[in-house]
């Protein structure tokens, strides 16, 4: 009786610990942006087009990119303001 109880406890512990290790691997993979398609750009706003709800930013290296912005948020943005865009 004691050996079957000890065996049951050992099996339950192994199953519980393996579940934790699987969860740990899954969460660390989800956080790593290098493996995903997440792209982060930072630069200053050089143009704001309220008619199109679009801003153009210029990165430090000189590259320019345009992005759509929610019409509620575009009114709070100003040219020459530094922003970070997550794609």
PDB file of N, CA and C in Angstrom:
ATOM      1  N   UNK A   1       0.811  -1.193   0.000  1.00  0.00           N
ATOM      2  CA  UNK A   1       0.000   0.000   0.000  1.00  0.00           C
ATOM      3  C   UNK A   1       0.857   1.259   0.000  1.00  0.00           C
ATOM      4  N   UNK A   2       1.917   1.246   0.819  1.00  0.00           N
ATOM      5  CA  UNK A   2       2.791   2.401   0.901  1.00  0.00           C
ATOM      6  C   UNK A   2       3.531   2.612  -0.418  1.00  0.00           C
ATOM      7  N   UNK A   3       3.960   1.536  -1.057  1.00  0.00           N
ATOM      8  CA  UNK A   3       4.712   1.676  -2.310  1.00  0.00           C
ATOM      9  C   UNK A   3       3.825   2.219  -3.422  1.00  0.00           C
ATOM     10  N   UNK A   4       2.551   1.813  -3.450  1.00  0.00           N
ATOM     11  CA  UNK A   4       1.664   2.342  -4.477  1.00  0.00           C
ATOM     12  C   UNK A   4       1.359   3.816  -4.232  1.00  0.00           C
ATOM     13  N   UNK A   5       1.275   4.237  -2.974  1.00  0.00           N
ATOM     14  CA  UNK A   5       1.049   5.637  -2.642  1.00  0.00           C
ATOM     15  C   UNK A   5       2.268   6.475  -3.012  1.00  0.00           C
ATOM     16  N   UNK A   6       3.451   5.955  -2.712  1.00  0.00           N
ATOM     17  CA  UNK A   6       4.684   6.660  -3.067  1.00  0.00           C
ATOM     18  C   UNK A   6       4.811   6.747  -4.585  1.00  0.00           C
ATOM     19  N   UNK A   7       4.488   5.684  -5.285  1.00  0.00           N
ATOM     20  CA  UNK A   7       4.553   5.695  -6.752  1.00  0.00           C
ATOM     21  C   UNK A   7       3.580   6.713  -7.331  1.00  0.00           C
ATOM     22  N   UNK A   8       2.385   6.785  -6.759  1.00  0.00           N
ATOM     23  CA  UNK A   8       1.384   7.743  -7.216  1.00  0.00           C
ATOM     24  C   UNK A   8       1.854   9.183  -6.999  1.00  0.00           C
ATOM     25  N   UNK A   9       2.481   9.431  -5.855  1.00  0.00           N
ATOM     26  CA  UNK A   9       2.999  10.770  -5.563  1.00  0.00           C
ATOM     27  C   UNK A   9       4.122  11.130  -6.536  1.00  0.00           C
ATOM     28  N   UNK A  10       5.009  10.200  -6.823  1.00  0.00           N
ATOM     29  CA  UNK A  10       6.113  10.445  -7.754  1.00  0.00           C
ATOM     30  C   UNK A  10       5.586  10.724  -9.155  1.00  0.00           C
ATOM     31  N   UNK A  11       4.617   9.957  -9.598  1.00  0.00           N
ATOM     32  CA  UNK A  11       4.036  10.157 -10.935  1.00  0.00           C
ATOM     33  C   UNK A  11       3.342  11.512 -11.013  1.00  0.00           C
ATOM     34  N   UNK A  12       2.583  11.870  -9.984  1.00  0.00           N
ATOM     35  CA  UNK A  12       1.888  13.165  -9.971  1.00  0.00           C
ATOM     36  C   UNK A  12       2.890  14.319  -9.983  1.00  0.00           C
ATOM     37  N   UNK A  13       3.999  14.164  -9.247  1.00  0.00           N
ATOM     38  CA  UNK A  13       5.023  15.210  -9.218  1.00  0.00           C
ATOM     39  C   UNK A  13       5.680  15.378 -10.582  1.00  0.00           C
ATOM     40  N   UNK A  14       5.975  14.267 -11.235  1.00  0.00           N
ATOM     41  CA  UNK A  14       6.600  14.334 -12.561  1.00  0.00           C
ATOM     42  C   UNK A  14       5.675  15.001 -13.581  1.00  0.00           C
ATOM     43  N   UNK A  15       4.411  14.669 -13.539  1.00  0.00           N
ATOM     44  CA  UNK A  15       3.446  15.271 -14.463  1.00  0.00           C
ATOM     45  C   UNK A  15       3.320  16.764 -14.182  1.00  0.00           C
ATOM     46  N   UNK A  16       3.259  17.143 -12.927  1.00  0.00           N
ATOM     47  CA  UNK A  16       3.141  18.552 -12.554  1.00  0.00           C
ATOM     48  C   UNK A  16       4.352  19.357 -12.966  1.00  0.00           C
ATOM     49  N   UNK A  17       5.543  18.818 -12.753  1.00  0.00           N
ATOM     50  CA  UNK A  17       6.763  19.538 -13.116  1.00  0.00           C
ATOM     51  C   UNK A  17       6.935  19.637 -14.626  1.00  0.00           C
ATOM     52  N   UNK A  18       6.531  18.617 -15.369  1.00  0.00           N
ATOM     53  CA  UNK A  18       6.656  18.699 -16.824  1.00  0.00           C
ATOM     54  C   UNK A  18       5.696  19.746 -17.387  1.00  0.00           C
ATOM     55  N   UNK A  19       4.524  19.901 -16.781  1.00  0.00           N
ATOM     56  CA  UNK A  19       3.578  20.930 -17.215  1.00  0.00           C
ATOM     57  C   UNK A  19       4.140  22.320 -17.001  1.00  0.00           C
ATOM     58  N   UNK A  20       4.833  22.547 -15.892  1.00  0.00           N
ATOM     59  CA  UNK A  20       5.452  23.842 -15.615  1.00  0.00           C
ATOM     60  C   UNK A  20       6.553  24.125 -16.622  1.00  0.00           C
ATOM     61  N   UNK A  21       7.358  23.137 -16.962  1.00  0.00           N
ATOM     62  CA  UNK A  21       8.443  23.373 -17.911  1.00  0.00           C
ATOM     63  C   UNK A  21       7.899  23.670 -19.302  1.00  0.00           C
ATOM     64  N   UNK A  22       6.788  23.033 -19.710  1.00  0.00           N
ATOM     65  CA  UNK A  22       6.181  23.350 -21.002  1.00  0.00           C
ATOM     66  C   UNK A  22       5.659  24.779 -21.009  1.00  0.00           C
ATOM     67  N   UNK A  23       5.025  25.204 -19.926  1.00  0.00           N
ATOM     68  CA  UNK A  23       4.496  26.565 -19.846  1.00  0.00           C
ATOM     69  C   UNK A  23       5.629  27.575 -19.880  1.00  0.00           C
ATOM     70  N   UNK A  24       6.745  27.269 -19.255  1.00  0.00           N
ATOM     71  CA  UNK A  24       7.885  28.172 -19.241  1.00  0.00           C
ATOM     72  C   UNK A  24       8.462  28.336 -20.638  1.00  0.00           C
ATOM     73  N   UNK A  25       8.569  27.257 -21.389  1.00  0.00           N
ATOM     74  CA  UNK A  25       9.087  27.326 -22.753  1.00  0.00           C
ATOM     75  C   UNK A  25       8.150  28.112 -23.652  1.00  0.00           C
ATOM     76  N   UNK A  26       6.860  27.940 -23.513  1.00  0.00           N
ATOM     77  CA  UNK A  26       5.895  28.638 -24.352  1.00  0.00           C
ATOM     78  C   UNK A  26       5.902  30.133 -24.069  1.00  0.00           C
ATOM     79  N   UNK A  27       5.986  30.525 -22.818  1.00  0.00           N
ATOM     80  CA  UNK A  27       5.955  31.949 -22.501  1.00  0.00           C
ATOM     81  C   UNK A  27       7.237  32.640 -22.933  1.00  0.00           C
ATOM     82  N   UNK A  28       8.375  31.991 -22.836  1.00  0.00           N
ATOM     83  CA  UNK A  28       9.623  32.627 -23.259  1.00  0.00           C
ATOM     84  C   UNK A  28       9.671  32.775 -24.775  1.00  0.00           C
ATOM     85  N   UNK A  29       9.057  31.876 -25.512  1.00  0.00           N
ATOM     86  CA  UNK A  29       9.022  31.992 -26.967  1.00  0.00           C
ATOM     87  C   UNK A  29       8.098  33.120 -27.391  1.00  0.00           C
ATOM     88  N   UNK A  30       7.034  33.345 -26.660  1.00  0.00           N
ATOM     89  CA  UNK A  30       6.075  34.389 -27.022  1.00  0.00           C
ATOM     90  C   UNK A  30       6.644  35.778 -26.763  1.00  0.00           C
ATOM     91  N   UNK A  31       7.574  35.911 -25.822  1.00  0.00           N
ATOM     92  CA  UNK A  31       8.110  37.211 -25.459  1.00  0.00           C
ATOM     93  C   UNK A  31       9.256  37.628 -26.371  1.00  0.00           C
ATOM     94  N   UNK A  32       9.919  36.696 -27.019  1.00  0.00           N
ATOM     95  CA  UNK A  32      11.099  37.006 -27.809  1.00  0.00           C
ATOM     96  C   UNK A  32      10.722  37.650 -29.148  1.00  0.00           C
ATOM     97  N   UNK A  33      10.871  38.993 -29.301  1.00  0.00           N
ATOM     98  CA  UNK A  33      10.479  39.633 -30.553  1.00  0.00           C
ATOM     99  C   UNK A  33      11.433  39.334 -31.708  1.00  0.00           C
ATOM    100  N   UNK A  34      12.638  38.866 -31.405  1.00  0.00           N
ATOM    101  CA  UNK A  34      13.585  38.572 -32.471  1.00  0.00           C
ATOM    102  C   UNK A  34      13.105  37.421 -33.350  1.00  0.00           C
ATOM    103  N   UNK A  35      12.370  36.483 -32.770  1.00  0.00           N
ATOM    104  CA  UNK A  35      11.885  35.335 -33.523  1.00  0.00           C
ATOM    105  C   UNK A  35      10.554  35.612 -34.207  1.00  0.00           C
ATOM    106  N   UNK A  36       9.863  36.663 -33.786  1.00  0.00           N
ATOM    107  CA  UNK A  36       8.572  36.982 -34.387  1.00  0.00           C
ATOM    108  C   UNK A  36       8.754  38.066 -35.442  1.00  0.00           C
ATOM    109  N   UNK A  37       7.666  38.515 -36.013  1.00  0.00           N
ATOM    110  CA  UNK A  37       7.725  39.528 -37.061  1.00  0.00           C
ATOM    111  C   UNK A  37       7.499  40.929 -36.517  1.00  0.00           C
ATOM    112  N   UNK A  38       7.720  41.141 -35.231  1.00  0.00           N
ATOM    113  CA  UNK A  38       7.537  42.452 -34.629  1.00  0.00           C
ATOM    114  C   UNK A  38       8.706  43.350 -35.032  1.00  0.00           C
ATOM    115  N   UNK A  39       8.369  44.555 -35.479  1.00  0.00           N
ATOM    116  CA  UNK A  39       9.385  45.518 -35.880  1.00  0.00           C
ATOM    117  C   UNK A  39       9.116  46.817 -35.133  1.00  0.00           C
ATOM    118  N   UNK A  40      10.133  47.388 -34.518  1.00  0.00           N
ATOM    119  CA  UNK A  40       9.995  48.622 -33.767  1.00  0.00           C
ATOM    120  C   UNK A  40      10.852  49.695 -34.433  1.00  0.00           C
ATOM    121  N   UNK A  41      10.217  50.809 -34.772  1.00  0.00           N
ATOM    122  CA  UNK A  41      10.906  51.935 -35.383  1.00  0.00           C
ATOM    123  C   UNK A  41      10.792  53.139 -34.468  1.00  0.00           C
ATOM    124  N   UNK A  42      11.841  53.943 -34.407  1.00  0.00           N
ATOM    125  CA  UNK A  42      11.808  55.174 -33.618  1.00  0.00           C
ATOM    126  C   UNK A  42      12.330  56.309 -34.481  1.00  0.00           C
ATOM    127  N   UNK A  43      11.685  57.440 -34.353  1.00  0.00           N
ATOM    128  CA  UNK A  43      12.122  58.604 -35.112  1.00  0.00           C
ATOM    129  C   UNK A  43      11.268  59.803 -34.793  1.00  0.00           C
ATOM    130  N   UNK A  44      11.560  60.913 -35.473  1.00  0.00           N
ATOM    131  CA  UNK A  44      10.765  62.113 -35.224  1.00  0.00           C
ATOM    132  C   UNK A  44       9.744  62.288 -36.335  1.00  0.00           C
ATOM    133  N   UNK A  45       8.617  62.864 -35.977  1.00  0.00           N
ATOM    134  CA  UNK A  45       7.539  63.098 -36.942  1.00  0.00           C
ATOM    135  C   UNK A  45       7.940  64.269 -37.830  1.00  0.00           C
ATOM    136  N   UNK A  46       7.975  64.036 -39.137  1.00  0.00           N
ATOM    137  CA  UNK A  46       8.320  65.099 -40.080  1.00  0.00           C
ATOM    138  C   UNK A  46       7.104  65.614 -40.841  1.00  0.00           C
ATOM    139  N   UNK A  47       6.014  64.834 -40.860  1.00  0.00           N
ATOM    140  CA  UNK A  47       4.814  65.258 -41.570  1.00  0.00           C
ATOM    141  C   UNK A  47       3.587  64.611 -40.926  1.00  0.00           C
ATOM    142  N   UNK A  48       2.513  65.417 -40.807  1.00  0.00           N
ATOM    143  CA  UNK A  48       1.232  64.912 -40.303  1.00  0.00           C
ATOM    144  C   UNK A  48       0.174  65.261 -41.328  1.00  0.00           C
ATOM    145  N   UNK A  49      -0.486  64.234 -41.859  1.00  0.00           N
ATOM    146  CA  UNK A  49      -1.557  64.426 -42.842  1.00  0.00           C
ATOM    147  C   UNK A  49      -2.874  64.029 -42.180  1.00  0.00           C
ATOM    148  N   UNK A  50      -3.612  65.024 -41.677  1.00  0.00           N
ATOM    149  CA  UNK A  50      -4.856  64.737 -40.962  1.00  0.00           C
ATOM    150  C   UNK A  50      -5.956  64.259 -41.905  1.00  0.00           C
ATOM    151  N   UNK A  51      -5.888  64.617 -43.177  1.00  0.00           N
ATOM    152  CA  UNK A  51      -6.909  64.163 -44.131  1.00  0.00           C
ATOM    153  C   UNK A  51      -6.823  62.652 -44.351  1.00  0.00           C
ATOM    154  N   UNK A  52      -5.612  62.130 -44.356  1.00  0.00           N
ATOM    155  CA  UNK A  52      -5.399  60.691 -44.561  1.00  0.00           C
ATOM    156  C   UNK A  52      -5.184  59.942 -43.246  1.00  0.00           C
ATOM    157  N   UNK A  53      -5.144  60.672 -42.116  1.00  0.00           N
ATOM    158  CA  UNK A  53      -4.801  60.081 -40.809  1.00  0.00           C
ATOM    159  C   UNK A  53      -3.463  59.356 -40.893  1.00  0.00           C
ATOM    160  N   UNK A  54      -2.456  60.050 -41.393  1.00  0.00           N
ATOM    161  CA  UNK A  54      -1.157  59.440 -41.653  1.00  0.00           C
ATOM    162  C   UNK A  54      -0.048  60.345 -41.137  1.00  0.00           C
ATOM    163  N   UNK A  55       0.975  59.719 -40.548  1.00  0.00           N
ATOM    164  CA  UNK A  55       2.169  60.465 -40.148  1.00  0.00           C
ATOM    165  C   UNK A  55       3.371  59.890 -40.878  1.00  0.00           C
ATOM    166  N   UNK A  56       4.383  60.725 -41.064  1.00  0.00           N
ATOM    167  CA  UNK A  56       5.648  60.286 -41.641  1.00  0.00           C
ATOM    168  C   UNK A  56       6.721  60.532 -40.599  1.00  0.00           C
ATOM    169  N   UNK A  57       7.493  59.495 -40.287  1.00  0.00           N
ATOM    170  CA  UNK A  57       8.590  59.650 -39.339  1.00  0.00           C
ATOM    171  C   UNK A  57       9.912  59.466 -40.067  1.00  0.00           C
ATOM    172  N   UNK A  58      10.943  60.110 -39.527  1.00  0.00           N
ATOM    173  CA  UNK A  58      12.289  59.972 -40.063  1.00  0.00           C
ATOM    174  C   UNK A  58      13.163  59.403 -38.951  1.00  0.00           C
ATOM    175  N   UNK A  59      13.769  58.263 -39.254  1.00  0.00           N
ATOM    176  CA  UNK A  59      14.643  57.613 -38.278  1.00  0.00           C
ATOM    177  C   UNK A  59      15.988  58.333 -38.228  1.00  0.00           C
ATOM    178  N   UNK A  60      16.803  57.982 -37.253  1.00  0.00           N
ATOM    179  CA  UNK A  60      18.124  58.604 -37.106  1.00  0.00           C
ATOM    180  C   UNK A  60      19.005  58.367 -38.319  1.00  0.00           C
ATOM    181  N   UNK A  61      18.812  57.229 -38.995  1.00  0.00           N
ATOM    182  CA  UNK A  61      19.628  56.917 -40.171  1.00  0.00           C
ATOM    183  C   UNK A  61      19.133  57.636 -41.431  1.00  0.00           C
ATOM    184  N   UNK A  62      18.042  58.426 -41.307  1.00  0.00           N
ATOM    185  CA  UNK A  62      17.528  59.190 -42.440  1.00  0.00           C
ATOM    186  C   UNK A  62      16.372  58.534 -43.178  1.00  0.00           C
ATOM    187  N   UNK A  63      16.076  57.282 -42.887  1.00  0.00           N
ATOM    188  CA  UNK A  63      14.989  56.583 -43.567  1.00  0.00           C
ATOM    189  C   UNK A  63      13.643  57.156 -43.127  1.00  0.00           C
ATOM    190  N   UNK A  64      12.735  57.319 -44.097  1.00  0.00           N
ATOM    191  CA  UNK A  64      11.401  57.842 -43.806  1.00  0.00           C
ATOM    192  C   UNK A  64      10.368  56.751 -44.048  1.00  0.00           C
ATOM    193  N   UNK A  65       9.383  56.675 -43.146  1.00  0.00           N
ATOM    194  CA  UNK A  65       8.283  55.721 -43.260  1.00  0.00           C
ATOM    195  C   UNK A  65       6.991  56.421 -42.880  1.00  0.00           C
ATOM    196  N   UNK A  66       5.902  56.059 -43.560  1.00  0.00           N
ATOM    197  CA  UNK A  66       4.582  56.619 -43.260  1.00  0.00           C
ATOM    198  C   UNK A  66       3.698  55.555 -42.631  1.00  0.00           C
ATOM    199  N   UNK A  67       2.847  55.998 -41.691  1.00  0.00           N
ATOM    200  CA  UNK A  67       1.994  55.085 -40.948  1.00  0.00           C
ATOM    201  C   UNK A  67       0.614  55.683 -40.769  1.00  0.00           C
ATOM    202  N   UNK A  68      -0.394  54.817 -40.799  1.00  0.00           N
ATOM    203  CA  UNK A  68      -1.766  55.221 -40.489  1.00  0.00           C
ATOM    204  C   UNK A  68      -1.887  55.354 -38.975  1.00  0.00           C
ATOM    205  N   UNK A  69      -2.621  56.379 -38.538  1.00  0.00           N
ATOM    206  CA  UNK A  69      -2.821  56.643 -37.119  1.00  0.00           C
ATOM    207  C   UNK A  69      -4.319  56.829 -36.877  1.00  0.00           C
ATOM    208  N   UNK A  70      -4.795  56.381 -35.742  1.00  0.00           N
ATOM    209  CA  UNK A  70      -6.196  56.576 -35.372  1.00  0.00           C
ATOM    210  C   UNK A  70      -6.515  58.070 -35.341  1.00  0.00           C
ATOM    211  N   UNK A  71      -7.655  58.448 -35.886  1.00  0.00           N
ATOM    212  CA  UNK A  71      -8.002  59.874 -35.998  1.00  0.00           C
ATOM    213  C   UNK A  71      -8.120  60.545 -34.631  1.00  0.00           C
ATOM    214  N   UNK A  72      -8.383  59.790 -33.580  1.00  0.00           N
ATOM    215  CA  UNK A  72      -8.452  60.361 -32.232  1.00  0.00           C
ATOM    216  C   UNK A  72      -7.060  60.682 -31.692  1.00  0.00           C
ATOM    217  N   UNK A  73      -6.069  59.909 -32.107  1.00  0.00           N
ATOM    218  CA  UNK A  73      -4.713  60.099 -31.589  1.00  0.00           C
ATOM    219  C   UNK A  73      -3.901  61.092 -32.411  1.00  0.00           C
ATOM    220  N   UNK A  74      -4.240  61.284 -33.656  1.00  0.00           N
ATOM    221  CA  UNK A  74      -3.423  62.134 -34.519  1.00  0.00           C
ATOM    222  C   UNK A  74      -3.446  63.593 -34.065  1.00  0.00           C
ATOM    223  N   UNK A  75      -4.530  64.009 -33.432  1.00  0.00           N
ATOM    224  CA  UNK A  75      -4.622  65.400 -32.974  1.00  0.00           C
ATOM    225  C   UNK A  75      -3.653  65.691 -31.831  1.00  0.00           C
ATOM    226  N   UNK A  76      -3.203  64.678 -31.103  1.00  0.00           N
ATOM    227  CA  UNK A  76      -2.276  64.885 -29.993  1.00  0.00           C
ATOM    228  C   UNK A  76      -0.810  64.857 -30.431  1.00  0.00           C
ATOM    229  N   UNK A  77      -0.545  64.530 -31.701  1.00  0.00           N
ATOM    230  CA  UNK A  77       0.827  64.456 -32.196  1.00  0.00           C
ATOM    231  C   UNK A  77       1.268  65.790 -32.789  1.00  0.00           C
ATOM    232  N   UNK A  78       2.578  66.044 -32.727  1.00  0.00           N
ATOM    233  CA  UNK A  78       3.140  67.289 -33.255  1.00  0.00           C
ATOM    234  C   UNK A  78       4.377  66.964 -34.092  1.00  0.00           C
ATOM    235  N   UNK A  79       4.648  67.791 -35.090  1.00  0.00           N
ATOM    236  CA  UNK A  79       5.868  67.592 -35.875  1.00  0.00           C
ATOM    237  C   UNK A  79       7.080  67.822 -34.979  1.00  0.00           C
ATOM    238  N   UNK A  80       8.182  67.170 -35.315  1.00  0.00           N
ATOM    239  CA  UNK A  80       9.450  67.164 -34.573  1.00  0.00           C
ATOM    240  C   UNK A  80       9.345  66.436 -33.234  1.00  0.00           C
ATOM    241  N   UNK A  81       8.236  65.771 -32.980  1.00  0.00           N
ATOM    242  CA  UNK A  81       8.078  64.975 -31.761  1.00  0.00           C
ATOM    243  C   UNK A  81       8.653  63.581 -32.013  1.00  0.00           C
ATOM    244  N   UNK A  82       9.408  63.042 -31.054  1.00  0.00           N
ATOM    245  CA  UNK A  82       9.981  61.710 -31.180  1.00  0.00           C
ATOM    246  C   UNK A  82       8.944  60.672 -30.793  1.00  0.00           C
ATOM    247  N   UNK A  83       8.796  59.648 -31.618  1.00  0.00           N
ATOM    248  CA  UNK A  83       7.829  58.581 -31.375  1.00  0.00           C
ATOM    249  C   UNK A  83       8.469  57.222 -31.619  1.00  0.00           C
ATOM    250  N   UNK A  84       7.842  56.187 -31.067  1.00  0.00           N
ATOM    251  CA  UNK A  84       8.249  54.805 -31.296  1.00  0.00           C
ATOM    252  C   UNK A  84       7.045  54.097 -31.893  1.00  0.00           C
ATOM    253  N   UNK A  85       7.242  53.419 -33.042  1.00  0.00           N
ATOM    254  CA  UNK A  85       6.165  52.742 -33.732  1.00  0.00           C
ATOM    255  C   UNK A  85       6.449  51.240 -33.684  1.00  0.00           C
ATOM    256  N   UNK A  86       5.459  50.470 -33.234  1.00  0.00           N
ATOM    257  CA  UNK A  86       5.574  49.016 -33.195  1.00  0.00           C
ATOM    258  C   UNK A  86       4.712  48.440 -34.305  1.00  0.00           C
ATOM    259  N   UNK A  87       5.331  47.677 -35.193  1.00  0.00           N
ATOM    260  CA  UNK A  87       4.618  47.066 -36.319  1.00  0.00           C
ATOM    261  C   UNK A  87       4.449  45.581 -36.080  1.00  0.00           C
TER     262      UNK A  87
END
